[in-house]
Amino acid sequence: MNSDINLAKLLPLLIPVAIIEFGLLVWALLDVIRRKNVKGPKIVWIIVVVVFEIIGPIAYFLFGRGEESAEDDSESNS
């Protein structure tokens, strides 16, 4: 490995990426669990979100979220 590159130099770049990754993971998992309608089985989306790190939550938000019903809207407003 190149001696010029060390962890101390990369740490300022890795910390924000790790925070964003963890935030997306938590947000996607909470959304899968709370949402009544998802496209496909919920357990599959949970596995995708956890296993595929940044790509999994993004895929869920793009393709996995179901339509929100009027009940979902009224519950989130109260």
C-alpha atoms as a PDB file:
ATOM      1  CA  MET A   1       0.000   0.000   0.000  1.00  0.00           C
ATOM      2  CA  ASN A   2       1.196   3.504  -0.727  1.00  0.00           C
ATOM      3  CA  SER A   3       2.832   5.081   2.329  1.00  0.00           C
ATOM      4  CA  ASP A   4       1.568   8.556   1.345  1.00  0.00           C
ATOM      5  CA  ILE A   5      -2.034   7.542   1.968  1.00  0.00           C
ATOM      6  CA  ASN A   6      -2.894   6.968   5.592  1.00  0.00           C
ATOM      7  CA  LEU A   7      -6.095   6.759   7.575  1.00  0.00           C
ATOM      8  CA  ALA A   8      -5.630  10.142   9.236  1.00  0.00           C
ATOM      9  CA  LYS A   9      -5.802  11.884   5.853  1.00  0.00           C
ATOM     10  CA  LEU A  10      -8.888   9.941   4.752  1.00  0.00           C
ATOM     11  CA  LEU A  11     -10.811  10.211   8.026  1.00  0.00           C
ATOM     12  CA  PRO A  12     -12.294  13.672   7.327  1.00  0.00           C
ATOM     13  CA  LEU A  13     -13.768  12.241   4.115  1.00  0.00           C
ATOM     14  CA  LEU A  14     -14.933   8.938   5.576  1.00  0.00           C
ATOM     15  CA  ILE A  15     -16.812  10.313   8.596  1.00  0.00           C
ATOM     16  CA  PRO A  16     -19.442  12.271   6.583  1.00  0.00           C
ATOM     17  CA  VAL A  17     -19.936   9.303   4.253  1.00  0.00           C
ATOM     18  CA  ALA A  18     -20.450   6.973   7.222  1.00  0.00           C
ATOM     19  CA  ILE A  19     -22.939   9.397   8.815  1.00  0.00           C
ATOM     20  CA  ILE A  20     -24.917   9.718   5.572  1.00  0.00           C
ATOM     21  CA  GLU A  21     -24.885   5.950   5.097  1.00  0.00           C
ATOM     22  CA  PHE A  22     -26.147   5.314   8.641  1.00  0.00           C
ATOM     23  CA  GLY A  23     -28.810   8.010   8.314  1.00  0.00           C
ATOM     24  CA  LEU A  24     -30.101   6.540   5.057  1.00  0.00           C
ATOM     25  CA  LEU A  25     -30.143   3.066   6.594  1.00  0.00           C
ATOM     26  CA  VAL A  26     -32.178   4.158   9.633  1.00  0.00           C
ATOM     27  CA  TRP A  27     -34.540   6.318   7.572  1.00  0.00           C
ATOM     28  CA  ALA A  28     -35.202   3.533   5.053  1.00  0.00           C
ATOM     29  CA  LEU A  29     -35.712   0.874   7.745  1.00  0.00           C
ATOM     30  CA  LEU A  30     -38.173   3.058   9.648  1.00  0.00           C
ATOM     31  CA  ASP A  31     -40.032   3.822   6.421  1.00  0.00           C
ATOM     32  CA  VAL A  32     -40.267   0.136   5.444  1.00  0.00           C
ATOM     33  CA  ILE A  33     -41.541  -0.832   8.884  1.00  0.00           C
ATOM     34  CA  ARG A  34     -44.084   1.995   9.200  1.00  0.00           C
ATOM     35  CA  ARG A  35     -45.421   2.023   5.641  1.00  0.00           C
ATOM     36  CA  LYS A  36     -48.471  -0.151   4.956  1.00  0.00           C
ATOM     37  CA  ASN A  37     -47.921  -0.395   1.206  1.00  0.00           C
ATOM     38  CA  VAL A  38     -44.521  -1.332  -0.185  1.00  0.00           C
ATOM     39  CA  LYS A  39     -43.783  -2.839  -3.572  1.00  0.00           C
ATOM     40  CA  GLY A  40     -42.875  -6.408  -2.707  1.00  0.00           C
ATOM     41  CA  PRO A  41     -42.381  -8.201   0.602  1.00  0.00           C
ATOM     42  CA  LYS A  42     -41.217  -5.990   3.470  1.00  0.00           C
ATOM     43  CA  ILE A  43     -38.641  -8.539   4.635  1.00  0.00           C
ATOM     44  CA  VAL A  44     -36.952  -8.449   1.216  1.00  0.00           C
ATOM     45  CA  TRP A  45     -36.690  -4.653   1.343  1.00  0.00           C
ATOM     46  CA  ILE A  46     -35.295  -4.797   4.878  1.00  0.00           C
ATOM     47  CA  ILE A  47     -32.605  -7.245   3.723  1.00  0.00           C
ATOM     48  CA  VAL A  48     -31.807  -5.116   0.648  1.00  0.00           C
ATOM     49  CA  VAL A  49     -31.520  -1.945   2.753  1.00  0.00           C
ATOM     50  CA  VAL A  50     -29.217  -3.564   5.326  1.00  0.00           C
ATOM     51  CA  VAL A  51     -27.014  -5.661   3.021  1.00  0.00           C
ATOM     52  CA  PHE A  52     -26.444  -3.204   0.174  1.00  0.00           C
ATOM     53  CA  GLU A  53     -25.544  -0.222   2.395  1.00  0.00           C
ATOM     54  CA  ILE A  54     -25.880   3.056   0.402  1.00  0.00           C
ATOM     55  CA  ILE A  55     -27.352   1.485  -2.745  1.00  0.00           C
ATOM     56  CA  GLY A  56     -30.063  -0.461  -0.842  1.00  0.00           C
ATOM     57  CA  PRO A  57     -31.775   2.511   0.804  1.00  0.00           C
ATOM     58  CA  ILE A  58     -31.605   4.523  -2.415  1.00  0.00           C
ATOM     59  CA  ALA A  59     -33.122   1.608  -4.362  1.00  0.00           C
ATOM     60  CA  TYR A  60     -35.895   1.315  -1.776  1.00  0.00           C
ATOM     61  CA  PHE A  61     -36.763   5.012  -1.970  1.00  0.00           C
ATOM     62  CA  LEU A  62     -36.745   4.934  -5.780  1.00  0.00           C
ATOM     63  CA  PHE A  63     -38.490   1.614  -6.421  1.00  0.00           C
ATOM     64  CA  GLY A  64     -39.854   0.053  -3.227  1.00  0.00           C
ATOM     65  CA  ARG A  65     -42.114   2.624  -1.658  1.00  0.00           C
ATOM     66  CA  GLY A  66     -45.787   2.036  -2.252  1.00  0.00           C
ATOM     67  CA  GLU A  67     -48.434   4.656  -2.781  1.00  0.00           C
ATOM     68  CA  GLU A  68     -49.496   6.533   0.334  1.00  0.00           C
ATOM     69  CA  SER A  69     -53.157   6.171   1.154  1.00  0.00           C
ATOM     70  CA  ALA A  70     -55.372   8.823   2.724  1.00  0.00           C
ATOM     71  CA  GLU A  71     -55.057   6.919   6.045  1.00  0.00           C
ATOM     72  CA  ASP A  72     -51.263   7.224   5.968  1.00  0.00           C
ATOM     73  CA  ASP A  73     -51.531  10.985   5.392  1.00  0.00           C
ATOM     74  CA  SER A  74     -53.973  11.528   8.258  1.00  0.00           C
ATOM     75  CA  GLU A  75     -51.847   9.457  10.668  1.00  0.00           C
ATOM     76  CA  SER A  76     -48.690  11.413   9.881  1.00  0.00           C
ATOM     77  CA  ASN A  77     -50.446  14.766  10.393  1.00  0.00           C
ATOM     78  CA  SER A  78     -51.797  13.938  13.851  1.00  0.00           C
END
